[in-house]
Amino acid sequence: MLGYARFRMCPGPARSLFASLFVFAAGVGFSAPAGADDSPLRFERDGALVRSLSRAELTQACGVTRVEVSDPYYQKTKTFLAFPLACALEQGFGKPVSSVRGENFFLRARDGYVKPASGARLSEPGGWLAFADAAISQADAPAWEPIDRRQVDPGPYYLVWSGEGQNDPHRHPWPYQLAAIEIAPFEARYPHTLPKGLPPEAPAWTGYAVFRAECVACHAINGEGGTIGPELNLPMSIVEYRPAEQLKRFIHDPTSFRYTSMPANPHLTPAQLDGLIAYFSAMRDRKHDPRSALPAP
């Protein structure tokens, strides 16, 4: 949220793209473009591999669907070849998707982006694991139209949503370059991001909730979180070298300060912005540097 995250990492809603969305079924035997990345998708629980599935295995189990979505990153309507997310989760974890509604998930991309998501959110109808761009079907052509300002390949998998109102990445995760889906408690995976010792009504807990929902996919606190954007607590907390009011204005509208890939966050309320500052201030006094445990070179 506070650094040089790629455009897709923490984007605002695609306000102009509320067109009608359609899903078209295709035969199970549909052949994907030869250029599509066939890297397996890993399914993990608490850091241990549960199952690794190739595109061919997912095709056999789930079939292939042509799905048309209002894409917030391409900023236009796109059609992909995809598997139903619910089917992929059931194949990967070996249980009905309804049984993991209460779990916490981490969606890990190849580039260090790690998006938390609730099982309740991922079990909603409308989720798809896209593996190829349906408009690029020639055998000798790339499987994807490049995405984001760096024009990267979004494969091997891109989580997309086709339901009404599901194209806001603040509410529904849209990670591309998806390589692994893990089930793990957030507090167990990132224990040093919590402002422990504060009463439940402390504003820092409001800020922690915002950090967990909006920031951790790109940024880390105490070495725990995403690696796309800057670390926010080590070796100095961001509140140790930026004034609070400036920080709030920057988070709300970063391009008013400089041209950056970090998007605006107009949806955050003044109370949430105040909570973020309280959270960063609390974590300033709760530093845990994983590098300090490393042996000297």
Protein backbone atom coordinates (compact mmCIF):
# COMPACT_ATOMS: atom_id res chain seq x y z
CA MET A 1 0.00 0.00 0.00
CA LEU A 2 2.83 2.41 0.75
CA GLY A 3 5.49 1.72 -1.82
CA TYR A 4 6.25 0.85 -5.39
CA ALA A 5 3.78 -2.00 -5.74
CA ARG A 6 2.82 -3.05 -9.21
CA PHE A 7 -0.48 -1.68 -10.46
CA ARG A 8 -2.30 -4.93 -9.93
CA MET A 9 -1.20 -5.36 -6.37
CA CYS A 10 -3.48 -2.97 -4.56
CA PRO A 11 -5.66 -1.40 -7.23
CA GLY A 12 -8.80 0.59 -6.83
CA PRO A 13 -12.09 -0.51 -8.31
CA ALA A 14 -12.58 -0.44 -12.06
CA ARG A 15 -15.34 2.14 -11.86
CA SER A 16 -16.18 2.18 -15.56
CA LEU A 17 -16.39 -1.55 -16.15
CA PHE A 18 -19.76 -2.72 -14.90
CA ALA A 19 -20.81 -4.30 -18.15
CA SER A 20 -22.83 -7.49 -18.26
CA LEU A 21 -20.80 -10.63 -17.59
CA PHE A 22 -21.30 -13.94 -19.32
CA VAL A 23 -19.93 -17.46 -18.97
CA PHE A 24 -19.81 -19.83 -21.91
CA ALA A 25 -19.35 -23.56 -21.42
CA ALA A 26 -16.85 -25.40 -23.57
CA GLY A 27 -16.20 -29.08 -23.96
CA VAL A 28 -14.02 -30.90 -21.46
CA GLY A 29 -11.77 -31.93 -24.31
CA PHE A 30 -11.02 -28.35 -25.38
CA SER A 31 -7.31 -27.94 -26.17
CA ALA A 32 -5.51 -24.96 -24.63
CA PRO A 33 -3.02 -22.95 -26.68
CA ALA A 34 0.33 -24.67 -26.85
CA GLY A 35 2.06 -21.63 -25.39
CA ALA A 36 0.13 -21.81 -22.11
CA ASP A 37 2.34 -22.33 -19.05
CA ASP A 38 1.75 -25.88 -17.78
CA SER A 39 3.41 -25.39 -14.38
CA PRO A 40 1.54 -27.33 -11.68
CA LEU A 41 -0.55 -25.49 -9.12
CA ARG A 42 0.46 -26.28 -5.54
CA PHE A 43 -2.10 -26.79 -2.78
CA GLU A 44 -0.64 -26.53 0.73
CA ARG A 45 -1.76 -26.61 4.33
CA ASP A 46 0.33 -25.03 7.09
CA GLY A 47 3.39 -25.00 4.85
CA ALA A 48 3.16 -28.66 3.81
CA LEU A 49 2.27 -29.79 0.30
CA VAL A 50 -1.15 -31.45 0.06
CA ARG A 51 -1.25 -31.92 -3.70
CA SER A 52 0.27 -30.54 -6.88
CA LEU A 53 -1.97 -30.54 -9.95
CA SER A 54 -1.01 -29.96 -13.56
CA ARG A 55 -3.23 -28.17 -16.06
CA ALA A 56 -4.01 -31.52 -17.68
CA GLU A 57 -5.13 -32.97 -14.35
CA LEU A 58 -7.32 -29.96 -13.62
CA THR A 59 -8.78 -30.15 -17.12
CA GLN A 60 -9.67 -33.80 -16.66
CA ALA A 61 -11.26 -33.18 -13.26
CA CYS A 62 -12.98 -29.84 -13.86
CA GLY A 63 -13.38 -29.38 -17.61
CA VAL A 64 -12.64 -26.11 -19.39
CA THR A 65 -14.92 -23.08 -19.57
CA ARG A 66 -14.73 -19.91 -21.65
CA VAL A 67 -15.42 -17.17 -19.13
CA GLU A 68 -15.96 -13.51 -19.96
CA VAL A 69 -15.14 -11.01 -17.21
CA SER A 70 -14.90 -7.29 -16.62
CA ASP A 71 -11.19 -7.23 -15.83
CA PRO A 72 -9.91 -4.51 -13.45
CA TYR A 73 -6.28 -4.89 -14.52
CA TYR A 74 -6.68 -5.03 -18.28
CA GLN A 75 -9.37 -2.36 -17.86
CA LYS A 76 -11.60 -4.04 -20.43
CA THR A 77 -13.74 -7.11 -21.01
CA LYS A 78 -11.61 -10.24 -21.37
CA THR A 79 -12.38 -13.87 -22.22
CA PHE A 80 -10.27 -16.60 -20.66
CA LEU A 81 -10.06 -20.38 -20.65
CA ALA A 82 -10.59 -21.39 -17.05
CA PHE A 83 -11.48 -23.97 -14.43
CA PRO A 84 -14.15 -23.32 -11.78
CA LEU A 85 -12.30 -22.23 -8.65
CA ALA A 86 -14.51 -24.38 -6.44
CA CYS A 87 -13.63 -27.50 -8.42
CA ALA A 88 -9.91 -26.70 -8.30
CA LEU A 89 -10.05 -26.23 -4.53
CA GLU A 90 -11.93 -29.47 -4.05
CA GLN A 91 -9.41 -31.36 -6.21
CA GLY A 92 -6.43 -29.76 -4.51
CA PHE A 93 -7.52 -30.19 -0.90
CA GLY A 94 -9.60 -33.33 -1.31
CA LYS A 95 -12.76 -32.04 0.37
CA PRO A 96 -15.89 -30.10 -0.60
CA VAL A 97 -15.33 -26.37 -0.85
CA SER A 98 -18.13 -25.86 1.68
CA SER A 99 -15.93 -27.47 4.34
CA VAL A 100 -13.21 -24.79 4.07
CA ARG A 101 -15.47 -21.72 4.32
CA GLY A 102 -14.11 -20.98 7.79
CA GLU A 103 -10.45 -21.32 6.80
CA ASN A 104 -7.93 -18.60 5.97
CA PHE A 105 -6.17 -18.86 2.61
CA PHE A 106 -3.00 -17.39 1.15
CA LEU A 107 -2.79 -16.95 -2.62
CA ARG A 108 0.91 -16.89 -3.56
CA ALA A 109 2.21 -15.51 -6.83
CA ARG A 110 5.60 -16.12 -8.38
CA ASP A 111 6.78 -12.55 -7.80
CA GLY A 112 6.33 -12.42 -4.02
CA TYR A 113 2.75 -11.16 -3.94
CA VAL A 114 0.83 -13.05 -1.22
CA LYS A 115 -2.88 -12.26 -0.96
CA PRO A 116 -4.85 -13.45 2.08
CA ALA A 117 -8.45 -14.45 1.44
CA SER A 118 -11.19 -16.02 3.49
CA GLY A 119 -12.62 -19.39 2.62
CA ALA A 120 -16.04 -17.77 2.60
CA ARG A 121 -14.91 -15.39 -0.14
CA LEU A 122 -13.23 -18.09 -2.25
CA SER A 123 -16.25 -20.37 -2.01
CA GLU A 124 -18.54 -17.74 -3.54
CA PRO A 125 -19.93 -18.56 -7.00
CA GLY A 126 -18.15 -16.67 -9.78
CA GLY A 127 -14.51 -17.58 -9.11
CA TRP A 128 -12.37 -19.02 -11.93
CA LEU A 129 -8.77 -20.11 -12.37
CA ALA A 130 -7.85 -18.83 -15.82
CA PHE A 131 -4.94 -20.51 -17.56
CA ALA A 132 -5.00 -18.93 -21.04
CA ASP A 133 -6.34 -16.00 -23.01
CA ALA A 134 -9.19 -17.32 -25.16
CA ALA A 135 -8.52 -14.69 -27.83
CA ILE A 136 -5.03 -16.07 -28.46
CA SER A 137 -5.61 -19.59 -29.65
CA GLN A 138 -2.98 -20.17 -32.33
CA ALA A 139 -0.54 -22.90 -31.44
CA ASP A 140 2.47 -20.70 -32.16
CA ALA A 141 1.23 -17.64 -30.21
CA PRO A 142 1.65 -16.72 -26.54
CA ALA A 143 -1.15 -17.89 -24.28
CA TRP A 144 -1.67 -14.50 -22.61
CA GLU A 145 -1.96 -10.86 -23.41
CA PRO A 146 0.70 -9.15 -21.22
CA ILE A 147 -0.67 -7.50 -18.09
CA ASP A 148 0.12 -4.47 -15.89
CA ARG A 149 2.44 -1.58 -16.68
CA ARG A 150 5.44 -3.91 -16.94
CA GLN A 151 3.64 -6.09 -19.50
CA VAL A 152 4.32 -9.38 -17.72
CA ASP A 153 2.90 -12.82 -18.43
CA PRO A 154 0.02 -13.44 -15.97
CA GLY A 155 0.45 -17.22 -16.09
CA PRO A 156 0.45 -19.92 -15.02
CA TYR A 157 -2.88 -19.06 -13.38
CA TYR A 158 -4.93 -15.92 -12.93
CA LEU A 159 -7.81 -15.88 -10.44
CA VAL A 160 -10.72 -13.99 -12.02
CA TRP A 161 -14.35 -13.35 -11.06
CA SER A 162 -17.40 -13.23 -13.31
CA GLY A 163 -20.19 -12.27 -10.90
CA GLU A 164 -21.90 -8.92 -10.66
CA GLY A 165 -19.83 -6.60 -8.45
CA GLN A 166 -16.92 -9.03 -8.17
CA ASN A 167 -14.43 -6.98 -10.20
CA ASP A 168 -13.33 -4.81 -7.26
CA PRO A 169 -9.95 -6.21 -6.10
CA HIS A 170 -10.41 -4.59 -2.69
CA ARG A 171 -13.20 -7.10 -2.10
CA HIS A 172 -12.36 -10.08 -4.31
CA PRO A 173 -8.77 -11.26 -4.86
CA TRP A 174 -7.50 -11.10 -8.47
CA PRO A 175 -3.92 -12.45 -8.20
CA TYR A 176 -2.12 -13.38 -11.39
CA GLN A 177 1.06 -15.43 -11.76
CA LEU A 178 -0.65 -17.62 -9.16
CA ALA A 179 1.56 -20.57 -8.20
CA ALA A 180 0.22 -21.86 -4.87
CA ILE A 181 -2.89 -21.83 -2.69
CA GLU A 182 -2.30 -22.44 1.01
CA ILE A 183 -4.63 -22.92 3.97
CA ALA A 184 -3.12 -21.55 7.18
CA PRO A 185 -4.19 -19.29 10.05
CA PHE A 186 -3.13 -15.72 9.39
CA GLU A 187 -1.83 -15.29 12.94
CA ALA A 188 0.27 -18.46 12.65
CA ARG A 189 1.80 -17.50 9.31
CA TYR A 190 2.45 -13.84 10.27
CA PRO A 191 2.68 -13.85 14.10
CA HIS A 192 4.88 -10.76 14.32
CA THR A 193 2.39 -8.50 12.54
CA LEU A 194 -0.01 -8.42 15.50
CA PRO A 195 0.03 -5.44 17.92
CA LYS A 196 0.01 -7.79 20.90
CA GLY A 197 -0.63 -6.49 24.39
CA LEU A 198 -3.04 -3.74 23.39
CA PRO A 199 -6.69 -3.77 24.55
CA PRO A 200 -9.25 -4.88 21.94
CA GLU A 201 -10.66 -1.36 21.62
CA ALA A 202 -7.26 0.18 20.79
CA PRO A 203 -7.19 1.99 17.39
CA ALA A 204 -4.13 -0.07 16.42
CA TRP A 205 -6.38 -3.11 16.03
CA THR A 206 -8.47 -1.18 13.51
CA GLY A 207 -5.26 -0.42 11.64
CA TYR A 208 -4.17 -4.05 11.86
CA ALA A 209 -7.43 -5.11 10.21
CA VAL A 210 -6.77 -2.62 7.39
CA PHE A 211 -3.17 -3.80 7.01
CA ARG A 212 -4.30 -7.42 6.89
CA ALA A 213 -6.99 -6.75 4.28
CA GLU A 214 -5.31 -4.08 2.13
CA CYS A 215 -1.54 -3.96 2.64
CA VAL A 216 0.00 -7.30 3.55
CA ALA A 217 -0.22 -8.67 -0.01
CA CYS A 218 2.45 -6.16 -1.03
CA HIS A 219 4.17 -5.10 2.19
CA ALA A 220 5.73 -6.76 5.22
CA ILE A 221 5.83 -5.86 8.89
CA ASN A 222 8.76 -7.42 10.76
CA GLY A 223 9.66 -9.43 7.66
CA GLU A 224 6.22 -11.05 7.41
CA GLY A 225 4.01 -10.33 4.40
CA GLY A 226 4.44 -9.55 0.73
CA THR A 227 7.74 -8.58 -0.85
CA ILE A 228 6.53 -6.42 -3.75
CA GLY A 229 6.45 -3.18 -1.76
CA PRO A 230 8.84 -1.91 0.92
CA GLU A 231 9.04 -3.35 4.43
CA LEU A 232 7.14 -0.94 6.71
CA ASN A 233 8.73 -1.58 10.13
CA LEU A 234 12.39 -2.53 9.65
CA PRO A 235 14.93 -1.29 10.26
CA MET A 236 12.89 1.88 10.82
CA SER A 237 9.13 2.15 11.00
CA ILE A 238 7.59 4.29 8.31
CA VAL A 239 6.22 6.57 11.07
CA GLU A 240 9.79 7.24 12.20
CA TYR A 241 10.63 9.11 9.02
CA ARG A 242 7.27 10.31 7.63
CA PRO A 243 4.79 12.61 9.40
CA ALA A 244 1.42 11.04 10.18
CA GLU A 245 -0.67 13.54 8.23
CA GLN A 246 1.56 13.20 5.18
CA LEU A 247 1.29 9.42 5.37
CA LYS A 248 -2.49 9.55 5.46
CA ARG A 249 -2.61 11.86 2.46
CA PHE A 250 -0.15 9.65 0.58
CA ILE A 251 -2.15 6.49 1.27
CA HIS A 252 -5.34 8.22 0.19
CA ASP A 253 -3.90 9.64 -3.05
CA PRO A 254 -0.25 8.71 -3.75
CA THR A 255 -0.14 10.21 -7.25
CA SER A 256 -0.69 13.65 -5.74
CA PHE A 257 2.84 13.25 -4.35
CA ARG A 258 4.60 11.45 -7.19
CA TYR A 259 3.93 9.22 -10.18
CA THR A 260 3.81 5.73 -8.77
CA SER A 261 2.25 2.33 -9.32
CA MET A 262 0.58 2.51 -5.95
CA PRO A 263 -3.12 3.23 -6.48
CA ALA A 264 -5.31 5.61 -4.55
CA ASN A 265 -7.35 4.31 -1.61
CA PRO A 266 -10.35 6.63 -1.43
CA HIS A 267 -12.46 3.88 0.14
CA LEU A 268 -10.52 4.07 3.43
CA THR A 269 -12.32 6.15 6.04
CA PRO A 270 -10.62 8.72 8.29
CA ALA A 271 -10.99 6.27 11.20
CA GLN A 272 -9.25 3.55 9.17
CA LEU A 273 -6.43 5.89 8.19
CA ASP A 274 -6.02 6.96 11.81
CA GLY A 275 -6.03 3.29 12.76
CA LEU A 276 -3.24 2.55 10.29
CA ILE A 277 -1.06 5.25 11.83
CA ALA A 278 -1.84 3.86 15.29
CA TYR A 279 -0.92 0.38 14.07
CA PHE A 280 2.38 1.49 12.54
CA SER A 281 3.17 3.38 15.74
CA ALA A 282 2.40 0.31 17.85
CA MET A 283 4.56 -1.94 15.67
CA ARG A 284 7.41 0.60 15.91
CA ASP A 285 7.67 -0.55 19.53
CA ARG A 286 7.29 -4.23 18.61
CA LYS A 287 10.10 -4.77 16.14
CA HIS A 288 11.20 -8.30 15.39
CA ASP A 289 14.01 -8.44 12.87
CA PRO A 290 14.49 -11.91 11.34
CA ARG A 291 17.86 -10.79 9.99
CA SER A 292 19.21 -10.34 13.51
CA ALA A 293 19.13 -14.11 13.94
CA LEU A 294 21.21 -14.73 10.83
CA PRO A 295 24.93 -15.52 11.25
CA ALA A 296 27.33 -12.74 10.33
CA PRO A 297 28.77 -13.08 6.80
